[in-house]
Amino acid sequence: MHKVTPFLWFDTQAEGAARFYVSLFPNSKVLTVWGAPGKPLGVSFVLDGREFRALNGGPQFKFTEAFSMFVDCETQEEVDTYWSKLTADGGQESMCGWLKDKYGLSW
């Protein structure tokens, strides 16, 4: 386990985002969802072996380009595959190889 764990703040979509992200990357899974039944407060998940935590903290804070996720790819085909999946269903292309996924997180 790493001592430093990225912690992501969502409005209400933490579990949905975690499940979306783990569906994209190998060696990934949702570990735990916590909170009241039917109303999750947060989620712990693993993306390609790295643990993350996410919180349904409300609308006070939004993601900005000041923080982004980096995917190390070996081929252009791999880049294109992740690009299309991450921009699907409301994601947005940006400049210089960046994008925002449907949850507003920059990649």
Protein backbone atom coordinates (compact mmCIF):
# COMPACT_ATOMS: atom_id res chain seq x y z
CA MET A 1 0.00 0.00 0.00
CA HIS A 2 1.22 3.48 -0.83
CA LYS A 3 1.38 6.06 1.94
CA VAL A 4 0.01 8.77 -0.34
CA THR A 5 -3.38 8.07 -1.88
CA PRO A 6 -5.06 10.36 -4.42
CA PHE A 7 -8.43 11.56 -3.09
CA LEU A 8 -10.98 12.84 -5.60
CA TRP A 9 -13.94 15.09 -4.74
CA PHE A 10 -17.14 14.57 -6.73
CA ASP A 11 -20.55 16.17 -6.32
CA THR A 12 -22.61 12.94 -6.19
CA GLN A 13 -20.95 10.66 -8.73
CA ALA A 14 -18.02 9.09 -6.84
CA GLU A 15 -19.22 5.50 -7.12
CA GLY A 16 -20.25 5.85 -10.77
CA ALA A 17 -16.92 7.44 -11.65
CA ALA A 18 -14.96 4.73 -9.83
CA ARG A 19 -16.89 1.98 -11.59
CA PHE A 20 -16.34 3.71 -14.94
CA TYR A 21 -12.59 4.09 -14.35
CA VAL A 22 -12.07 0.49 -13.20
CA SER A 23 -13.88 -0.72 -16.33
CA LEU A 24 -11.21 0.97 -18.48
CA PHE A 25 -7.95 -0.22 -16.96
CA PRO A 26 -6.52 -3.69 -16.27
CA ASN A 27 -5.63 -4.68 -12.69
CA SER A 28 -8.44 -2.44 -11.38
CA LYS A 29 -11.37 -2.95 -9.02
CA VAL A 30 -13.72 -1.24 -6.59
CA LEU A 31 -12.63 -2.09 -3.05
CA THR A 32 -15.31 -0.58 -0.81
CA VAL A 33 -18.25 1.77 -0.99
CA TRP A 34 -19.15 3.48 2.27
CA GLY A 35 -22.06 5.56 3.48
CA ALA A 36 -25.76 4.97 4.02
CA PRO A 37 -27.55 2.26 2.01
CA GLY A 38 -28.56 3.70 -1.33
CA LYS A 39 -26.62 6.90 -0.66
CA PRO A 40 -22.88 6.28 -0.89
CA LEU A 41 -20.59 8.85 0.69
CA GLY A 42 -17.40 7.55 -0.85
CA VAL A 43 -15.54 4.75 -2.52
CA SER A 44 -12.10 3.16 -2.47
CA PHE A 45 -10.87 1.70 -5.73
CA VAL A 46 -7.73 0.53 -7.52
CA LEU A 47 -6.68 1.67 -11.00
CA ASP A 48 -3.94 -0.46 -12.51
CA GLY A 49 -2.60 -1.30 -9.07
CA ARG A 50 -2.79 2.23 -7.56
CA GLU A 51 -5.36 2.89 -4.83
CA PHE A 52 -7.66 5.92 -4.99
CA ARG A 53 -10.40 7.28 -2.78
CA ALA A 54 -13.34 9.35 -3.94
CA LEU A 55 -15.90 11.36 -1.99
CA ASN A 56 -19.41 12.59 -2.73
CA GLY A 57 -18.66 15.96 -1.19
CA GLY A 58 -21.23 18.14 -2.92
CA PRO A 59 -21.00 20.85 -5.56
CA GLN A 60 -18.67 23.26 -3.70
CA PHE A 61 -15.51 22.18 -5.53
CA LYS A 62 -14.95 21.24 -9.17
CA PHE A 63 -12.03 19.61 -10.93
CA THR A 64 -9.71 21.92 -12.85
CA GLU A 65 -6.88 21.31 -15.28
CA ALA A 66 -4.50 21.97 -12.38
CA PHE A 67 -4.85 18.25 -11.59
CA SER A 68 -4.93 15.56 -14.25
CA MET A 69 -4.46 11.83 -14.62
CA PHE A 70 -1.67 10.59 -16.89
CA VAL A 71 -1.98 7.32 -18.79
CA ASP A 72 1.33 5.93 -20.00
CA CYS A 73 0.64 4.29 -23.38
CA GLU A 74 2.95 2.26 -25.59
CA THR A 75 1.19 2.73 -28.95
CA GLN A 76 -0.97 5.26 -30.74
CA GLU A 77 -3.70 2.61 -30.88
CA GLU A 78 -3.68 2.43 -27.08
CA VAL A 79 -3.87 6.24 -26.86
CA ASP A 80 -6.81 6.25 -29.28
CA THR A 81 -8.63 3.55 -27.32
CA TYR A 82 -8.39 5.39 -23.99
CA TRP A 83 -9.15 8.72 -25.69
CA SER A 84 -12.40 7.43 -27.19
CA LYS A 85 -13.52 5.77 -23.97
CA LEU A 86 -12.69 8.76 -21.77
CA THR A 87 -14.37 11.29 -24.06
CA ALA A 88 -17.50 9.16 -24.55
CA ASP A 89 -20.89 10.12 -23.08
CA GLY A 90 -20.14 13.78 -22.42
CA GLY A 91 -16.36 13.92 -22.15
CA GLN A 92 -14.61 16.80 -23.91
CA GLU A 93 -11.48 17.02 -25.98
CA SER A 94 -9.02 19.75 -25.03
CA MET A 95 -5.68 21.12 -26.22
CA CYS A 96 -2.27 19.45 -26.30
CA GLY A 97 -3.49 15.90 -25.73
CA TRP A 98 -5.68 16.62 -22.69
CA LEU A 99 -9.32 15.75 -22.29
CA LYS A 100 -12.01 15.93 -19.63
CA ASP A 101 -14.07 12.84 -18.96
CA LYS A 102 -17.82 12.94 -18.35
CA TYR A 103 -17.16 13.54 -14.63
CA GLY A 104 -14.98 16.61 -15.29
CA LEU A 105 -11.64 14.98 -14.45
CA SER A 106 -8.77 15.91 -16.78
CA TRP A 107 -6.63 13.21 -18.39
